[in-house]
Amino acid sequence: MSLGDEHQATEGYGGTGQTRTRLPEGEGGGPYGGARRTGRSSSRSLVTVVGVVVLLIAAIAFANRGGDGSASGTPEADSPKAAATAPSGEKPVGTKTGGIPSGFAHDRQGAESAAANYAVALGSDGMFNKTTRHPIVDTIYTPAAADGLQSALDAAYSADFLSKLGLDSNGRPPQGSTFISRTIPVGTKVEQYSESSAKVAVWYMGLIGMAGEKSTDPVSTTWKTWTFDLQWTDGDWKIASDTQKDGPAPVPGDDVAAGSDEISKAVEEYGGFTYAR
């Protein structure tokens, strides 16, 4: 499971699927600019809260898992074309707000970059602590959506919920253990696009679990599709609402699972990416 499993999101525009290439942190730029979309804030906020709750259901399922946890799902009929994975030559964003990439281009590729990077932020372990969660939500959601989400998320990330994941009330793992929650985008698809709004689906693999000798929930993978409804707000793409669904999940390989020490070390040594076309 991944944060993506704790925060769902989906949207897409345009009828043509496109996949982004990932570039290491620090490479590139690409500012936003453009008009703003007027939305139905109350209904949008409600939809957003529902989307996040759906994401949390996945996290709760992980905390209480007992089955095989297999994900199901079929690719959309409007799948990306073979050439969609080719890089565009455009550089990724060069600015960050609160550690999260920002200033995305006011075009389709900018919307895809925003969706991929927002999925990473929502799937991070920072979502499990109130002091880091609030800035994340304020940064990537529209003001109306963020206002409706904060209290709902605070209630969802209760001490009881966190304890089921092996964390204390502040989202910290036991001494000697490493809690891992990461979202790794595999591709993006624009389902709808206009200058003021975009719907972008992010297909991703999530990592979630506790690495440690006494862990009863070792780090495992999950496959999801997160769809984001984005609005052009204050010169950047922001999430107005999001949804999530299982799959498509590939057939598991024959890789030998790494030990908890190796996984913990990998998480510490390997940083993430800024995602862009």
Protein backbone atom coordinates (compact mmCIF):
# COMPACT_ATOMS: atom_id res chain seq x y z
CA MET A 1 0.00 0.00 0.00
CA SER A 2 1.14 3.51 -0.51
CA LEU A 3 0.04 6.86 0.54
CA GLY A 4 -1.70 6.74 -2.63
CA ASP A 5 -3.62 4.09 -0.83
CA GLU A 6 -4.35 6.58 1.83
CA HIS A 7 -5.24 9.41 -0.46
CA GLN A 8 -7.09 8.68 -3.69
CA ALA A 9 -7.23 10.84 -6.75
CA THR A 10 -8.23 10.64 -10.42
CA GLU A 11 -8.94 12.66 -13.52
CA GLY A 12 -7.98 12.89 -17.11
CA TYR A 13 -8.63 14.89 -20.25
CA GLY A 14 -7.87 15.04 -23.85
CA GLY A 15 -8.55 11.52 -25.12
CA THR A 16 -4.86 10.89 -25.70
CA GLY A 17 -2.87 9.14 -23.04
CA GLN A 18 0.59 10.33 -22.18
CA THR A 19 3.21 9.01 -19.84
CA ARG A 20 5.84 11.14 -18.09
CA THR A 21 9.50 10.43 -17.76
CA ARG A 22 11.08 10.89 -14.34
CA LEU A 23 14.01 13.18 -13.80
CA PRO A 24 16.15 13.25 -10.67
CA GLU A 25 15.57 15.97 -8.10
CA GLY A 26 17.21 19.24 -8.99
CA GLU A 27 16.99 18.92 -12.79
CA GLY A 28 14.97 21.46 -14.61
CA GLY A 29 12.32 24.09 -14.30
CA GLY A 30 9.06 25.07 -15.95
CA PRO A 31 6.77 27.70 -14.41
CA TYR A 32 3.01 27.87 -14.40
CA GLY A 33 0.73 30.57 -15.51
CA GLY A 34 -2.88 30.98 -16.47
CA ALA A 35 -6.49 31.44 -15.73
CA ARG A 36 -8.39 30.12 -12.80
CA ARG A 37 -11.40 27.89 -12.78
CA THR A 38 -14.54 28.64 -10.87
CA GLY A 39 -15.83 25.56 -9.13
CA ARG A 40 -18.67 24.47 -6.92
CA SER A 41 -16.59 24.61 -3.78
CA SER A 42 -18.98 22.93 -1.39
CA SER A 43 -19.64 19.93 -3.60
CA ARG A 44 -15.98 19.80 -4.66
CA SER A 45 -14.90 19.77 -1.03
CA LEU A 46 -17.30 16.93 -0.26
CA VAL A 47 -16.03 14.89 -3.20
CA THR A 48 -12.46 15.52 -2.11
CA VAL A 49 -13.16 14.38 1.44
CA VAL A 50 -14.80 11.23 0.09
CA GLY A 51 -11.76 10.61 -2.13
CA VAL A 52 -9.35 10.90 0.76
CA VAL A 53 -11.49 8.65 2.93
CA VAL A 54 -11.35 6.05 0.15
CA LEU A 55 -7.57 6.31 0.22
CA LEU A 56 -7.57 5.81 3.95
CA ILE A 57 -9.68 2.68 3.55
CA ALA A 58 -6.73 1.17 1.70
CA ALA A 59 -4.41 2.09 4.56
CA ILE A 60 -6.81 0.61 7.08
CA ALA A 61 -7.09 -2.52 4.98
CA PHE A 62 -3.31 -2.80 5.14
CA ALA A 63 -3.30 -2.35 8.89
CA ASN A 64 -5.88 -5.10 9.29
CA ARG A 65 -4.91 -7.24 6.36
CA GLY A 66 -5.28 -10.94 6.60
CA GLY A 67 -5.97 -11.94 3.03
CA ASP A 68 -3.77 -12.04 -0.03
CA GLY A 69 -4.22 -8.32 -0.67
CA SER A 70 -4.31 -8.87 -4.41
CA ALA A 71 -5.37 -5.89 -6.49
CA SER A 72 -7.68 -6.15 -9.43
CA GLY A 73 -8.42 -3.83 -12.28
CA THR A 74 -8.29 -3.56 -16.02
CA PRO A 75 -6.56 -0.90 -18.08
CA GLU A 76 -8.75 1.82 -19.54
CA ALA A 77 -9.86 1.29 -23.12
CA ASP A 78 -8.30 4.62 -23.98
CA SER A 79 -4.78 3.45 -23.19
CA PRO A 80 -1.68 5.51 -23.88
CA LYS A 81 -0.23 5.19 -27.37
CA ALA A 82 3.14 3.54 -27.88
CA ALA A 83 4.90 6.88 -28.41
CA ALA A 84 3.49 8.38 -25.22
CA THR A 85 6.54 7.41 -23.17
CA ALA A 86 8.88 9.48 -25.35
CA PRO A 87 10.29 12.47 -23.44
CA SER A 88 9.04 15.86 -24.56
CA GLY A 89 12.32 17.65 -23.96
CA GLU A 90 10.64 19.99 -21.50
CA LYS A 91 12.44 20.41 -18.18
CA PRO A 92 10.67 19.65 -14.89
CA VAL A 93 9.79 22.42 -12.49
CA GLY A 94 12.62 24.28 -10.81
CA THR A 95 10.81 25.52 -7.71
CA LYS A 96 9.37 23.93 -4.60
CA THR A 97 6.82 24.95 -1.99
CA GLY A 98 7.31 23.24 1.34
CA GLY A 99 9.55 20.66 -0.33
CA ILE A 100 6.90 19.82 -2.95
CA PRO A 101 7.53 20.66 -6.64
CA SER A 102 5.47 23.67 -7.73
CA GLY A 103 5.16 26.12 -10.60
CA PHE A 104 3.99 23.62 -13.20
CA ALA A 105 3.47 24.67 -16.81
CA HIS A 106 0.00 25.86 -17.78
CA ASP A 107 -0.54 23.09 -20.32
CA ARG A 108 -1.27 19.36 -20.53
CA GLN A 109 2.25 18.33 -19.62
CA GLY A 110 2.23 20.67 -16.65
CA ALA A 111 -1.01 19.10 -15.42
CA GLU A 112 0.50 15.61 -15.78
CA SER A 113 3.63 16.66 -13.90
CA ALA A 114 1.53 18.16 -11.12
CA ALA A 115 -0.60 15.02 -10.78
CA ALA A 116 2.44 12.70 -10.62
CA ASN A 117 4.27 14.84 -8.07
CA TYR A 118 1.16 15.34 -5.95
CA ALA A 119 0.62 11.57 -5.86
CA VAL A 120 4.16 11.25 -4.48
CA ALA A 121 3.49 13.85 -1.78
CA LEU A 122 0.19 12.27 -0.75
CA GLY A 123 1.80 8.83 -0.61
CA SER A 124 4.69 9.92 1.60
CA ASP A 125 5.18 9.14 5.27
CA GLY A 126 4.72 12.86 5.94
CA MET A 127 0.98 12.31 5.75
CA PHE A 128 1.07 10.33 8.99
CA ASN A 129 2.05 13.29 11.15
CA LYS A 130 -0.23 16.31 11.62
CA THR A 131 2.58 18.86 11.58
CA THR A 132 3.74 17.72 8.14
CA ARG A 133 0.34 16.64 6.76
CA HIS A 134 -1.31 20.05 7.07
CA PRO A 135 1.32 21.88 4.97
CA ILE A 136 1.18 19.14 2.32
CA VAL A 137 -2.60 19.44 1.99
CA ASP A 138 -2.49 23.26 1.99
CA THR A 139 0.18 23.22 -0.73
CA ILE A 140 -1.36 20.85 -3.26
CA TYR A 141 -5.14 21.28 -2.83
CA THR A 142 -7.25 24.30 -3.71
CA PRO A 143 -8.01 26.46 -0.66
CA ALA A 144 -11.65 25.30 -0.60
CA ALA A 145 -10.70 21.63 -0.84
CA ALA A 146 -7.96 21.94 1.79
CA ASP A 147 -10.31 23.62 4.25
CA GLY A 148 -12.71 20.71 4.00
CA LEU A 149 -9.99 18.09 4.29
CA GLN A 150 -7.87 19.04 7.27
CA SER A 151 -10.28 18.11 10.07
CA ALA A 152 -11.41 14.98 8.22
CA LEU A 153 -7.82 13.82 7.84
CA ASP A 154 -7.00 14.60 11.46
CA ALA A 155 -9.88 12.37 12.50
CA ALA A 156 -8.91 9.64 10.04
CA TYR A 157 -5.27 9.57 11.16
CA SER A 158 -6.30 8.87 14.72
CA ALA A 159 -4.02 7.39 17.35
CA ASP A 160 -5.94 4.13 17.04
CA PHE A 161 -5.45 4.00 13.28
CA LEU A 162 -1.76 4.81 13.56
CA SER A 163 -1.26 2.15 16.22
CA LYS A 164 -2.60 -0.47 13.80
CA LEU A 165 0.27 0.46 11.50
CA GLY A 166 2.72 0.14 14.39
CA LEU A 167 3.13 3.92 14.77
CA ASP A 168 2.72 6.14 17.82
CA SER A 169 0.25 9.04 17.95
CA ASN A 170 2.75 11.27 16.10
CA GLY A 171 3.27 8.79 13.29
CA ARG A 172 6.66 7.62 14.52
CA PRO A 173 7.77 3.97 14.31
CA PRO A 174 9.22 2.02 17.24
CA GLN A 175 12.91 2.45 17.92
CA GLY A 176 14.94 0.24 15.62
CA SER A 177 12.19 0.09 12.97
CA THR A 178 11.58 2.09 9.79
CA PHE A 179 8.09 2.93 8.55
CA ILE A 180 7.97 3.14 4.77
CA SER A 181 5.29 4.77 2.64
CA ARG A 182 6.12 5.75 -0.92
CA THR A 183 4.26 6.29 -4.17
CA ILE A 184 6.14 5.58 -7.41
CA PRO A 185 4.29 6.84 -10.52
CA VAL A 186 4.59 4.54 -13.53
CA GLY A 187 2.69 6.69 -16.00
CA THR A 188 0.07 9.39 -16.40
CA LYS A 189 -2.90 9.92 -18.71
CA VAL A 190 -4.81 13.11 -19.44
CA GLU A 191 -8.51 12.27 -19.56
CA GLN A 192 -9.82 15.84 -19.92
CA TYR A 193 -8.16 19.18 -20.36
CA SER A 194 -9.02 22.86 -20.58
CA GLU A 195 -7.10 25.99 -19.63
CA SER A 196 -8.85 26.13 -16.27
CA SER A 197 -9.13 22.44 -15.34
CA ALA A 198 -7.69 19.02 -16.06
CA LYS A 199 -8.40 15.44 -15.17
CA VAL A 200 -5.27 13.31 -14.92
CA ALA A 201 -4.93 9.65 -13.97
CA VAL A 202 -1.70 8.43 -12.38
CA TRP A 203 -0.88 4.74 -12.48
CA TYR A 204 1.50 3.96 -9.65
CA MET A 205 3.11 1.34 -7.48
CA GLY A 206 3.03 1.92 -3.74
CA LEU A 207 5.36 0.74 -1.00
CA ILE A 208 4.08 0.54 2.57
CA GLY A 209 4.95 -1.33 5.70
CA MET A 210 7.29 -1.51 8.67
CA ALA A 211 10.88 -2.66 8.27
CA GLY A 212 12.24 -4.07 11.50
CA GLU A 213 13.02 -7.32 13.26
CA LYS A 214 9.78 -7.29 15.23
CA SER A 215 7.56 -6.06 12.41
CA THR A 216 4.39 -8.04 11.73
CA ASP A 217 3.62 -5.96 8.60
CA PRO A 218 6.67 -6.13 6.33
CA VAL A 219 7.00 -3.68 3.46
CA SER A 220 4.88 -4.78 0.50
CA THR A 221 3.81 -3.37 -2.86
CA THR A 222 0.42 -2.38 -4.20
CA TRP A 223 -0.75 -1.15 -7.61
CA LYS A 224 -3.31 1.61 -7.96
CA THR A 225 -4.62 4.29 -10.29
CA TRP A 226 -5.11 7.72 -8.74
CA THR A 227 -7.24 10.23 -10.61
CA PHE A 228 -6.95 13.95 -9.88
CA ASP A 229 -9.37 16.71 -10.80
CA LEU A 230 -7.09 19.71 -11.09
CA GLN A 231 -7.90 23.42 -11.22
CA TRP A 232 -5.65 26.23 -12.38
CA THR A 233 -5.53 28.30 -9.20
CA ASP A 234 -3.25 31.21 -8.31
CA GLY A 235 -0.81 30.39 -11.10
CA ASP A 236 -0.47 26.66 -10.48
CA TRP A 237 -2.34 23.38 -10.82
CA LYS A 238 -4.10 22.39 -7.59
CA ILE A 239 -6.22 19.38 -6.63
CA ALA A 240 -9.96 20.08 -6.38
CA SER A 241 -10.88 16.43 -5.79
CA ASP A 242 -9.40 12.96 -6.25
CA THR A 243 -10.38 9.30 -6.42
CA GLN A 244 -8.48 6.02 -6.45
CA LYS A 245 -9.01 2.47 -7.67
CA ASP A 246 -7.09 -0.80 -7.61
CA GLY A 247 -4.79 -1.88 -10.43
CA PRO A 248 -3.86 -2.59 -13.07
CA ALA A 249 -1.44 -4.90 -11.29
CA PRO A 250 1.19 -6.96 -13.15
CA VAL A 251 1.88 -10.60 -12.38
CA PRO A 252 4.30 -10.79 -9.42
CA GLY A 253 7.85 -11.71 -10.38
CA ASP A 254 10.18 -14.27 -8.85
CA ASP A 255 12.29 -11.75 -6.96
CA VAL A 256 13.59 -12.84 -3.57
CA ALA A 257 12.28 -10.52 -0.86
CA ALA A 258 14.96 -8.41 0.83
CA GLY A 259 15.47 -8.43 4.58
CA SER A 260 14.21 -5.57 6.74
CA ASP A 261 17.72 -4.11 7.21
CA GLU A 262 18.30 -4.01 3.46
CA ILE A 263 14.93 -2.34 2.84
CA SER A 264 15.52 0.25 5.58
CA LYS A 265 18.96 1.06 4.16
CA ALA A 266 17.57 1.40 0.63
CA VAL A 267 14.90 3.84 1.76
CA GLU A 268 17.51 5.95 3.53
CA GLU A 269 19.99 5.92 0.64
CA TYR A 270 17.73 6.27 -2.39
CA GLY A 271 15.95 9.58 -2.82
CA GLY A 272 12.86 10.30 -4.91
CA PHE A 273 12.30 12.07 -8.20
CA THR A 274 10.63 15.12 -9.60
CA TYR A 275 8.28 13.73 -12.21
CA ALA A 276 7.80 15.38 -15.61
CA ARG A 277 7.08 14.53 -19.24
